[in-house]
């Protein structure tokens, strides 16, 4: 189809409006005199609705809408349903602890628990590797693909991705977390409203009739060889959600930016309600409908159905909403990555009092260029974006989570034993899944392997702590998670 003027006008108008409203709100807000606190935690001033909006839209981007709908099956809804459990863990277990230890980054908690800056720096580096080489390029690619398939425009996908990278960087670099969170919330209302409309319009296009669609695309009980075997819900899936929602700086940073624990918890609970009631239908039903209409077209499914079924003015608005989702997810990860570098690495090893804004500017530029160079990895017609992201991130997520689990449950742990456990976990998962080869070396689903990786890393750390470093761990969960953490 040809790009119509009304689509362009609506798209540009809504995009500009979100930017102006964000600027207006942030300009009138009170700012903290602490530069680091202001830039990375919005001065500790985020109300619960901005926490909810920012958490929702930071996660809900093209890797969900494009990638999950690109599977064209109901099974992928488990990612979002299981996310509710992860948010509950963040709300009632982890957030009180982060506030208790007065953390700017999640990794700061590790330094305080282990009394060692090197474990903090190592985990930060792993987070940064995942953000730069996995999440950021996946978001740029998914957003560019959606625009290309929705509008049917003959523009190189890398040009579209470059535009997203430039605009998204501007939000993160010049506005800090406050601008990111505010734009997330305004954009989130628009995106969720239009995504629900797309879902209803798509269902109406097939008269709510799912006949002719293969049974395996409608079931929530995954077969052993499916993308999400049912058994994995009770192994690696729960740990994936714990890692992503409770230890990942990009998500937790929003909740850590509230004035107190209760305000943060209200925002997290609101985000969980949205995740439970709204998100699952919008990330699977349009994809299933597209299978009935077009057949197996993979990651192009969502853009195709939006472009074909929505009237021009709505498709322009939806393009603006998707663009906002791409930009806010991109700038959220970029801001979190800058926080990790500045707080955990630069201040620890280079300069204790850097110019936060200037340093974040140059760090962000370098990260964006590196992420842009990784986009070709995700241009893979054989596997959806979401599966590629999850499988690759297993290299880092479970080893990182092992450091948090050991640090929160025990004391008298030598940080070197945990560092060795983390390295062993990365090595095991790399060997087991063989991401650089054509077949896995261990014939188990990667979600099962993630659970095994976590257990191996934790046990290795505890054994080395005893055998190599001659220390006996002491159970300390009551101290960490006790009533004091909630006060």
Protein backbone atom coordinates (compact mmCIF):
# COMPACT_ATOMS: atom_id res chain seq x y z
CA UNK A 1 0.00 0.00 0.00
CA UNK A 2 1.09 3.58 -0.52
CA UNK A 3 1.89 5.81 2.38
CA UNK A 4 -0.97 8.30 2.71
CA UNK A 5 -0.63 11.92 3.80
CA UNK A 6 -3.13 11.48 6.65
CA UNK A 7 -0.98 8.72 8.13
CA UNK A 8 2.11 10.89 8.07
CA UNK A 9 0.30 13.92 9.53
CA UNK A 10 -1.26 11.93 12.39
CA UNK A 11 2.01 10.15 13.09
CA UNK A 12 4.06 13.36 13.27
CA UNK A 13 1.41 15.26 15.24
CA UNK A 14 1.07 12.63 17.98
CA UNK A 15 4.82 12.08 18.21
CA UNK A 16 5.41 15.82 18.60
CA UNK A 17 2.58 16.12 21.15
CA UNK A 18 4.09 13.42 23.39
CA UNK A 19 7.45 15.17 23.23
CA UNK A 20 5.95 18.58 24.07
CA UNK A 21 3.84 17.28 26.98
CA UNK A 22 6.87 15.47 28.39
CA UNK A 23 8.97 18.64 28.12
CA UNK A 24 6.26 20.75 29.74
CA UNK A 25 5.82 18.38 32.68
CA UNK A 26 9.53 17.89 33.31
CA UNK A 27 10.28 21.60 33.12
CA UNK A 28 7.82 22.31 35.93
CA UNK A 29 8.95 19.48 38.20
CA UNK A 30 11.13 19.99 41.26
CA UNK A 31 14.68 18.78 40.75
CA UNK A 32 17.12 17.22 43.18
CA UNK A 33 20.44 18.92 43.84
CA UNK A 34 22.11 15.50 43.73
CA UNK A 35 23.04 15.14 40.04
CA UNK A 36 23.30 11.36 40.10
CA UNK A 37 20.02 11.00 42.01
CA UNK A 38 18.26 13.42 39.66
CA UNK A 39 19.55 11.96 36.40
CA UNK A 40 19.15 8.26 37.20
CA UNK A 41 16.33 8.22 39.79
CA UNK A 42 14.35 11.36 38.88
CA UNK A 43 15.29 12.82 42.26
CA UNK A 44 13.26 10.09 44.01
CA UNK A 45 10.01 11.79 43.02
CA UNK A 46 8.13 9.40 40.71
CA UNK A 47 4.49 8.92 41.66
CA UNK A 48 2.97 5.45 41.44
CA UNK A 49 1.23 6.09 38.10
CA UNK A 50 4.52 7.06 36.46
CA UNK A 51 6.15 3.95 37.96
CA UNK A 52 3.34 1.78 36.52
CA UNK A 53 3.39 3.50 33.15
CA UNK A 54 7.14 3.39 32.79
CA UNK A 55 7.47 -0.26 33.86
CA UNK A 56 4.69 -1.23 31.44
CA UNK A 57 6.02 0.56 28.38
CA UNK A 58 9.67 -0.15 29.09
CA UNK A 59 8.85 -3.83 28.71
CA UNK A 60 6.07 -3.58 26.13
CA UNK A 61 7.79 -2.77 22.86
CA UNK A 62 8.31 -4.29 19.45
CA UNK A 63 10.01 -7.39 20.82
CA UNK A 64 6.65 -8.17 22.48
CA UNK A 65 4.10 -6.82 19.99
CA UNK A 66 6.06 -7.80 16.88
CA UNK A 67 8.01 -10.77 18.24
CA UNK A 68 5.26 -12.51 20.19
CA UNK A 69 2.59 -11.92 17.57
CA UNK A 70 5.18 -13.12 15.07
CA UNK A 71 4.95 -16.60 16.60
CA UNK A 72 1.27 -16.57 15.62
CA UNK A 73 0.24 -18.78 18.54
CA UNK A 74 -1.40 -18.44 21.96
CA UNK A 75 1.44 -20.16 23.77
CA UNK A 76 3.52 -16.98 23.96
CA UNK A 77 0.99 -15.48 26.39
CA UNK A 78 2.81 -17.41 29.12
CA UNK A 79 5.65 -14.89 29.00
CA UNK A 80 3.24 -12.18 30.12
CA UNK A 81 1.21 -14.26 32.56
CA UNK A 82 4.38 -15.46 34.26
CA UNK A 83 5.60 -11.86 34.39
CA UNK A 84 2.92 -11.15 37.00
CA UNK A 85 4.76 -13.52 39.36
CA UNK A 86 8.00 -11.65 38.67
CA UNK A 87 6.35 -8.33 39.46
CA UNK A 88 5.00 -9.73 42.74
CA UNK A 89 8.55 -10.74 43.67
CA UNK A 90 9.76 -7.23 42.87
CA UNK A 91 6.93 -5.67 44.86
CA UNK A 92 7.08 -7.65 48.07
CA UNK A 93 10.58 -9.14 48.16
CA UNK A 94 13.15 -7.05 46.29
CA UNK A 95 11.96 -3.43 46.35
CA UNK A 96 11.89 -3.21 50.17
CA UNK A 97 15.48 -4.50 50.19
CA UNK A 98 16.68 -1.96 47.60
CA UNK A 99 15.18 0.84 49.68
CA UNK A 100 16.59 -0.60 52.89
CA UNK A 101 20.11 -0.53 51.43
CA UNK A 102 19.53 2.87 49.74
CA UNK A 103 20.56 1.65 46.28
CA UNK A 104 20.87 3.69 43.08
CA UNK A 105 21.53 0.57 41.00
CA UNK A 106 20.51 -3.02 41.70
CA UNK A 107 24.16 -4.02 41.57
CA UNK A 108 24.96 -1.62 44.42
CA UNK A 109 23.13 -4.11 46.63
CA UNK A 110 25.72 -6.74 45.71
CA UNK A 111 28.61 -4.50 46.74
CA UNK A 112 26.97 -3.84 50.10
CA UNK A 113 26.15 -7.50 50.74
CA UNK A 114 29.55 -8.86 49.71
CA UNK A 115 31.53 -5.77 50.77
CA UNK A 116 33.32 -5.98 47.43
CA UNK A 117 33.21 -3.53 44.52
CA UNK A 118 34.49 -6.05 41.97
CA UNK A 119 31.41 -8.29 42.12
CA UNK A 120 29.30 -5.19 41.52
CA UNK A 121 31.41 -4.21 38.53
CA UNK A 122 31.34 -7.72 37.02
CA UNK A 123 27.54 -8.01 37.19
CA UNK A 124 27.22 -4.49 35.76
CA UNK A 125 29.43 -5.47 32.83
CA UNK A 126 27.22 -8.51 32.19
CA UNK A 127 24.10 -6.34 32.30
CA UNK A 128 25.74 -3.90 29.89
CA UNK A 129 26.72 -6.68 27.48
CA UNK A 130 23.12 -7.89 27.42
CA UNK A 131 21.73 -4.40 26.92
CA UNK A 132 24.17 -3.38 24.20
CA UNK A 133 24.40 -6.60 22.22
CA UNK A 134 20.93 -8.12 22.74
CA UNK A 135 18.15 -5.79 23.92
CA UNK A 136 19.00 -2.50 22.18
CA UNK A 137 19.58 -3.98 18.70
CA UNK A 138 16.47 -6.19 19.03
CA UNK A 139 14.35 -3.14 19.82
CA UNK A 140 15.75 -1.13 16.91
CA UNK A 141 15.29 -4.01 14.48
CA UNK A 142 11.76 -4.84 15.67
CA UNK A 143 10.62 -1.22 15.46
CA UNK A 144 12.10 -0.72 12.01
CA UNK A 145 10.57 -3.97 10.76
CA UNK A 146 7.14 -2.98 12.05
CA UNK A 147 7.24 0.39 10.31
CA UNK A 148 8.45 -1.20 7.11
CA UNK A 149 5.80 -3.94 7.04
CA UNK A 150 2.93 -1.76 8.28
CA UNK A 151 3.41 1.09 5.81
CA UNK A 152 4.79 -1.08 3.01
CA UNK A 153 7.52 1.48 2.45
CA UNK A 154 10.64 0.74 0.44
CA UNK A 155 13.09 2.28 2.91
CA UNK A 156 16.17 0.45 4.11
CA UNK A 157 15.49 -1.06 7.54
CA UNK A 158 18.78 0.33 8.87
CA UNK A 159 17.76 3.88 8.02
CA UNK A 160 14.56 3.51 10.05
CA UNK A 161 16.53 1.92 12.89
CA UNK A 162 19.00 4.81 12.82
CA UNK A 163 16.19 7.35 13.21
CA UNK A 164 14.86 5.46 16.24
CA UNK A 165 18.36 5.33 17.72
CA UNK A 166 18.94 9.09 17.32
CA UNK A 167 15.59 10.24 18.72
CA UNK A 168 15.59 7.68 21.54
CA UNK A 169 19.08 8.71 22.56
CA UNK A 170 17.98 12.33 22.81
CA UNK A 171 15.34 11.48 25.43
CA UNK A 172 17.78 9.46 27.53
CA UNK A 173 20.75 11.80 27.23
CA UNK A 174 19.09 15.17 27.70
CA UNK A 175 16.11 14.31 29.90
CA UNK A 176 17.32 11.60 32.27
CA UNK A 177 14.94 9.15 33.96
CA UNK A 178 12.28 11.77 34.67
CA UNK A 179 11.72 12.47 30.97
CA UNK A 180 11.88 8.78 30.18
CA UNK A 181 9.27 7.82 32.79
CA UNK A 182 6.88 10.64 31.92
CA UNK A 183 7.04 9.96 28.17
CA UNK A 184 6.60 6.24 28.91
CA UNK A 185 3.36 6.87 30.77
CA UNK A 186 1.76 9.17 28.20
CA UNK A 187 2.84 6.88 25.37
CA UNK A 188 1.65 3.82 27.29
CA UNK A 189 -1.92 5.06 27.55
CA UNK A 190 -1.96 5.62 23.79
CA UNK A 191 -0.30 2.32 22.91
CA UNK A 192 -2.47 0.13 25.15
CA UNK A 193 -5.67 1.79 23.93
CA UNK A 194 -4.77 1.33 20.27
CA UNK A 195 -3.41 -2.18 20.80
CA UNK A 196 -6.76 -3.20 22.29
CA UNK A 197 -8.49 -1.61 19.30
CA UNK A 198 -6.22 -3.53 16.89
CA UNK A 199 -7.04 -6.78 18.68
CA UNK A 200 -10.80 -6.20 18.51
CA UNK A 201 -10.67 -5.11 14.85
CA UNK A 202 -8.56 -8.17 13.98
CA UNK A 203 -11.00 -10.52 15.72
CA UNK A 204 -13.89 -8.86 13.94
CA UNK A 205 -12.14 -9.40 10.59
CA UNK A 206 -12.52 -13.18 11.09
CA UNK A 207 -15.93 -12.82 12.81
CA UNK A 208 -14.34 -14.14 16.01
CA UNK A 209 -14.13 -17.50 14.24
CA UNK A 210 -10.93 -19.50 14.88
CA UNK A 211 -11.91 -22.51 12.77
CA UNK A 212 -9.21 -23.60 10.34
CA UNK A 213 -6.40 -22.52 12.66
CA UNK A 214 -4.27 -25.50 13.74
CA UNK A 215 -4.93 -26.66 17.32
CA UNK A 216 -1.28 -26.26 18.32
CA UNK A 217 -1.56 -22.52 17.62
CA UNK A 218 -4.49 -22.09 20.01
CA UNK A 219 -3.40 -24.17 22.98
CA UNK A 220 -1.71 -22.97 26.15
CA UNK A 221 -0.29 -26.43 26.86
CA UNK A 222 3.03 -26.48 25.05
CA UNK A 223 4.34 -29.75 23.63
CA UNK A 224 7.92 -30.81 24.49
CA UNK A 225 9.18 -29.51 21.13
CA UNK A 226 7.23 -26.22 21.23
CA UNK A 227 8.57 -22.73 21.96
CA UNK A 228 7.41 -23.02 25.59
CA UNK A 229 7.01 -26.65 26.71
CA UNK A 230 4.53 -26.78 29.58
CA UNK A 231 7.09 -28.24 31.97
CA UNK A 232 9.35 -25.19 31.56
CA UNK A 233 6.77 -23.08 33.42
CA UNK A 234 7.91 -24.85 36.58
CA UNK A 235 11.66 -24.73 35.93
CA UNK A 236 13.47 -21.91 34.16
CA UNK A 237 10.44 -19.69 33.50
CA UNK A 238 10.04 -18.66 37.14
CA UNK A 239 13.74 -17.75 37.40
CA UNK A 240 13.65 -15.79 34.14
CA UNK A 241 10.84 -13.67 35.56
CA UNK A 242 12.61 -13.23 38.89
CA UNK A 243 15.72 -12.04 37.09
CA UNK A 244 14.01 -9.71 34.63
CA UNK A 245 11.55 -7.97 36.94
CA UNK A 246 13.49 -7.99 40.21
CA UNK A 247 17.19 -7.55 39.42
CA UNK A 248 17.26 -5.92 35.99
CA UNK A 249 18.26 -2.26 36.37
CA UNK A 250 16.10 -1.15 33.45
CA UNK A 251 12.91 -2.25 35.24
CA UNK A 252 13.74 -1.78 38.91
CA UNK A 253 15.15 1.70 38.33
CA UNK A 254 11.61 3.02 37.89
CA UNK A 255 10.39 1.60 41.20
CA UNK A 256 13.56 2.76 42.97
CA UNK A 257 12.78 6.32 41.87
CA UNK A 258 9.70 6.69 44.07
CA UNK A 259 9.81 8.73 47.30
CA UNK A 260 9.16 5.62 49.43
CA UNK A 261 8.51 1.87 49.34
CA UNK A 262 4.71 2.13 49.51
CA UNK A 263 4.51 4.49 46.52
CA UNK A 264 6.78 2.16 44.54
CA UNK A 265 4.67 -0.86 45.48
CA UNK A 266 1.45 0.81 44.32
CA UNK A 267 3.04 1.43 40.94
CA UNK A 268 4.31 -2.15 40.66
CA UNK A 269 0.89 -3.58 41.55
CA UNK A 270 -0.76 -1.38 38.92
CA UNK A 271 1.78 -2.58 36.35
CA UNK A 272 1.03 -6.19 37.37
CA UNK A 273 -2.72 -5.65 36.86
CA UNK A 274 -2.08 -4.28 33.36
CA UNK A 275 0.23 -7.21 32.64
CA UNK A 276 -2.43 -9.72 33.74
CA UNK A 277 -5.57 -8.23 32.21
CA UNK A 278 -4.50 -6.26 29.14
CA UNK A 279 -1.20 -7.45 27.74
CA UNK A 280 -1.73 -11.21 27.03
CA UNK A 281 -4.55 -10.71 24.45
CA UNK A 282 -2.77 -7.94 22.54
CA UNK A 283 0.48 -9.90 22.12
CA UNK A 284 -1.05 -13.14 20.76
CA UNK A 285 -4.53 -12.65 19.26
CA UNK A 286 -3.55 -10.39 16.31
CA UNK A 287 -0.83 -12.88 15.43
CA UNK A 288 -3.27 -15.80 15.47
CA UNK A 289 -5.72 -13.85 13.31
CA UNK A 290 -2.92 -13.01 10.88
CA UNK A 291 -2.20 -16.73 10.50
CA UNK A 292 -5.77 -17.29 9.35
CA UNK A 293 -5.65 -14.31 7.00
CA UNK A 294 -2.13 -14.59 5.56
CA UNK A 295 -0.61 -17.90 6.64
CA UNK A 296 2.75 -18.29 8.35
CA UNK A 297 4.43 -14.89 7.80
CA UNK A 298 6.44 -14.67 11.03
CA UNK A 299 7.55 -11.33 12.48
CA UNK A 300 5.85 -9.36 9.69
CA UNK A 301 2.43 -10.48 11.02
CA UNK A 302 1.66 -7.57 13.32
CA UNK A 303 2.65 -4.80 10.96
CA UNK A 304 0.75 -6.48 8.13
CA UNK A 305 -2.50 -6.79 10.06
CA UNK A 306 -2.31 -3.24 11.41
CA UNK A 307 -1.55 -1.83 7.96
CA UNK A 308 -4.37 -3.77 6.28
CA UNK A 309 -7.20 -3.48 8.81
CA UNK A 310 -6.86 -0.07 10.45
CA UNK A 311 -8.20 3.05 8.73
CA UNK A 312 -5.51 5.51 7.66
CA UNK A 313 -5.92 7.94 10.55
CA UNK A 314 -5.77 5.12 13.11
CA UNK A 315 -2.81 3.43 11.48
CA UNK A 316 -0.95 6.74 11.65
CA UNK A 317 -1.81 7.01 15.34
CA UNK A 318 -0.76 3.44 15.93
CA UNK A 319 2.53 4.03 14.15
CA UNK A 320 3.10 6.94 16.55
CA UNK A 321 2.28 4.68 19.50
CA UNK A 322 4.67 1.97 18.29
CA UNK A 323 7.33 4.58 17.65
CA UNK A 324 6.82 5.85 21.18
CA UNK A 325 7.11 2.30 22.54
CA UNK A 326 10.34 1.75 20.64
CA UNK A 327 11.76 5.08 21.74
CA UNK A 328 10.80 4.73 25.40
CA UNK A 329 12.05 1.16 25.70
CA UNK A 330 15.24 2.13 23.91
CA UNK A 331 15.87 5.22 26.02
CA UNK A 332 14.96 3.38 29.23
CA UNK A 333 17.58 0.73 28.59
CA UNK A 334 20.06 3.39 27.55
CA UNK A 335 19.50 5.43 30.71
CA UNK A 336 19.81 2.30 32.88
CA UNK A 337 23.00 1.30 31.06
CA UNK A 338 24.50 4.74 31.61
CA UNK A 339 23.65 4.42 35.31
CA UNK A 340 25.43 1.08 35.51
CA UNK A 341 28.55 2.46 33.84
CA UNK A 342 28.69 5.73 35.76
CA UNK A 343 27.79 4.43 39.23
CA UNK A 344 29.26 0.93 39.18
CA UNK A 345 32.34 1.20 37.00
CA UNK A 346 33.48 4.77 36.35
CA UNK A 347 33.04 6.01 39.92
CA UNK A 348 34.64 2.86 41.34
CA UNK A 349 37.71 2.72 39.09
CA UNK A 350 38.21 6.07 37.34
CA UNK A 351 36.72 9.11 39.09
CA UNK A 352 34.54 9.32 42.20
CA UNK A 353 32.86 12.58 41.19
CA UNK A 354 32.40 12.75 37.42
CA UNK A 355 30.20 15.17 35.53
CA UNK A 356 27.22 12.79 35.36
CA UNK A 357 25.46 14.36 32.37
CA UNK A 358 28.61 14.76 30.26
CA UNK A 359 29.87 11.27 31.00
CA UNK A 360 26.43 9.75 30.35
CA UNK A 361 26.30 11.57 27.02
CA UNK A 362 29.49 10.02 25.68
CA UNK A 363 28.81 6.60 27.18
CA UNK A 364 25.35 6.58 25.59
CA UNK A 365 26.73 7.53 22.17
CA UNK A 366 29.23 4.66 22.25
CA UNK A 367 26.55 2.19 23.37
CA UNK A 368 24.16 3.22 20.61
CA UNK A 369 26.81 2.78 17.92
CA UNK A 370 27.71 -0.67 19.24
CA UNK A 371 24.06 -1.71 19.43
CA UNK A 372 23.38 -0.50 15.90
CA UNK A 373 26.19 -2.68 14.59
CA UNK A 374 24.49 -5.77 16.10
CA UNK A 375 21.15 -5.38 14.30
CA UNK A 376 21.96 -7.93 11.52
CA UNK A 377 22.00 -10.77 14.10
CA UNK A 378 18.26 -10.31 14.64
CA UNK A 379 17.40 -10.25 10.95
CA UNK A 380 16.78 -14.01 11.08
CA UNK A 381 13.66 -15.36 9.33
CA UNK A 382 14.11 -18.78 10.97
CA UNK A 383 13.39 -17.57 14.53
CA UNK A 384 11.19 -14.84 16.03
CA UNK A 385 12.74 -11.85 17.77
CA UNK A 386 11.45 -12.80 21.22
CA UNK A 387 12.87 -16.33 21.09
CA UNK A 388 16.23 -15.05 19.86
CA UNK A 389 16.37 -12.50 22.70
CA UNK A 390 15.43 -14.96 25.44
CA UNK A 391 17.78 -17.70 24.26
CA UNK A 392 20.76 -15.37 23.92
CA UNK A 393 20.13 -13.64 27.23
CA UNK A 394 20.29 -16.95 29.06
CA UNK A 395 24.06 -16.60 28.76
CA UNK A 396 23.93 -13.75 31.25
CA UNK A 397 20.62 -13.77 33.13
CA UNK A 398 20.97 -16.91 35.24
CA UNK A 399 24.63 -16.34 36.22
CA UNK A 400 23.67 -12.78 37.25
CA UNK A 401 20.69 -14.06 39.26
CA UNK A 402 22.94 -16.54 41.07
CA UNK A 403 24.99 -13.64 42.49
CA UNK A 404 21.83 -12.02 43.88
CA UNK A 405 20.47 -15.26 45.36
CA UNK A 406 23.70 -16.14 47.17
CA UNK A 407 24.22 -12.57 48.35
CA UNK A 408 20.69 -12.16 49.72
CA UNK A 409 20.34 -15.55 51.39
CA UNK A 410 23.79 -15.92 52.96
CA UNK A 411 26.56 -13.96 54.62
CA UNK A 412 30.23 -14.81 55.16
CA UNK A 413 30.57 -15.42 51.43
CA UNK A 414 33.81 -14.58 49.65
CA UNK A 415 32.94 -12.53 46.56
CA UNK A 416 35.59 -14.38 44.57
CA UNK A 417 33.65 -17.64 44.91
CA UNK A 418 30.55 -15.95 43.48
CA UNK A 419 32.55 -14.43 40.62
CA UNK A 420 33.87 -17.90 39.75
CA UNK A 421 30.33 -19.31 39.98
CA UNK A 422 29.07 -16.64 37.60
CA UNK A 423 31.85 -17.35 35.08
CA UNK A 424 31.17 -21.10 35.32
CA UNK A 425 27.46 -20.48 34.72
CA UNK A 426 28.14 -18.43 31.59
CA UNK A 427 30.50 -21.11 30.29
CA UNK A 428 28.07 -23.96 30.97
CA UNK A 429 25.13 -22.26 29.24
CA UNK A 430 27.31 -21.34 26.27
CA UNK A 431 28.43 -24.95 25.93
CA UNK A 432 24.94 -26.41 26.46
CA UNK A 433 23.07 -24.21 23.97
CA UNK A 434 25.96 -23.72 21.54
CA UNK A 435 24.59 -20.36 20.28
CA UNK A 436 27.29 -20.08 17.62
CA UNK A 437 26.55 -23.51 16.14
CA UNK A 438 23.66 -25.25 14.42
CA UNK A 439 22.68 -27.62 17.24
CA UNK A 440 22.74 -27.64 21.04
CA UNK A 441 25.31 -29.77 22.81
CA UNK A 442 22.76 -30.78 25.47
CA UNK A 443 19.37 -31.82 24.13
CA UNK A 444 17.15 -29.90 26.54
CA UNK A 445 14.95 -26.87 25.97
CA UNK A 446 16.88 -23.69 26.67
CA UNK A 447 14.44 -22.69 29.45
CA UNK A 448 15.21 -25.94 31.27
CA UNK A 449 18.90 -25.26 30.72
CA UNK A 450 18.54 -21.83 32.30
CA UNK A 451 17.27 -23.42 35.52
CA UNK A 452 20.17 -25.89 35.48
CA UNK A 453 22.61 -23.03 34.86
CA UNK A 454 21.29 -21.12 37.88
CA UNK A 455 21.50 -24.12 40.21
CA UNK A 456 25.01 -24.93 38.97
CA UNK A 457 26.23 -21.36 39.50
CA UNK A 458 24.77 -21.13 43.03
CA UNK A 459 26.12 -24.53 44.15
CA UNK A 460 29.52 -23.81 42.60
CA UNK A 461 29.79 -20.53 44.51
CA UNK A 462 28.84 -22.15 47.82
CA UNK A 463 31.21 -25.12 47.32
CA UNK A 464 34.15 -22.93 46.31
CA UNK A 465 33.45 -20.62 49.24
CA UNK A 466 33.90 -23.61 51.56
CA UNK A 467 36.61 -25.61 49.79
CA UNK A 468 38.77 -22.94 48.19
CA UNK A 469 38.29 -19.92 50.45
CA UNK A 470 37.70 -21.87 53.70
CA UNK A 471 34.56 -19.96 54.70
CA UNK A 472 31.30 -21.39 56.01
CA UNK A 473 28.18 -19.57 54.83
CA UNK A 474 25.63 -18.35 57.35
CA UNK A 475 21.91 -18.23 56.51
CA UNK A 476 20.97 -14.53 56.58
CA UNK A 477 17.61 -14.26 54.82
CA UNK A 478 15.82 -13.11 57.98
CA UNK A 479 18.11 -10.10 58.27
CA UNK A 480 17.69 -9.13 54.62
CA UNK A 481 13.97 -9.77 54.17
CA UNK A 482 12.78 -9.18 57.73
CA UNK A 483 10.38 -6.52 58.93
CA UNK A 484 13.14 -3.92 58.99
CA UNK A 485 13.30 -4.03 55.21
CA UNK A 486 9.72 -2.82 55.00
CA UNK A 487 10.14 0.17 57.28
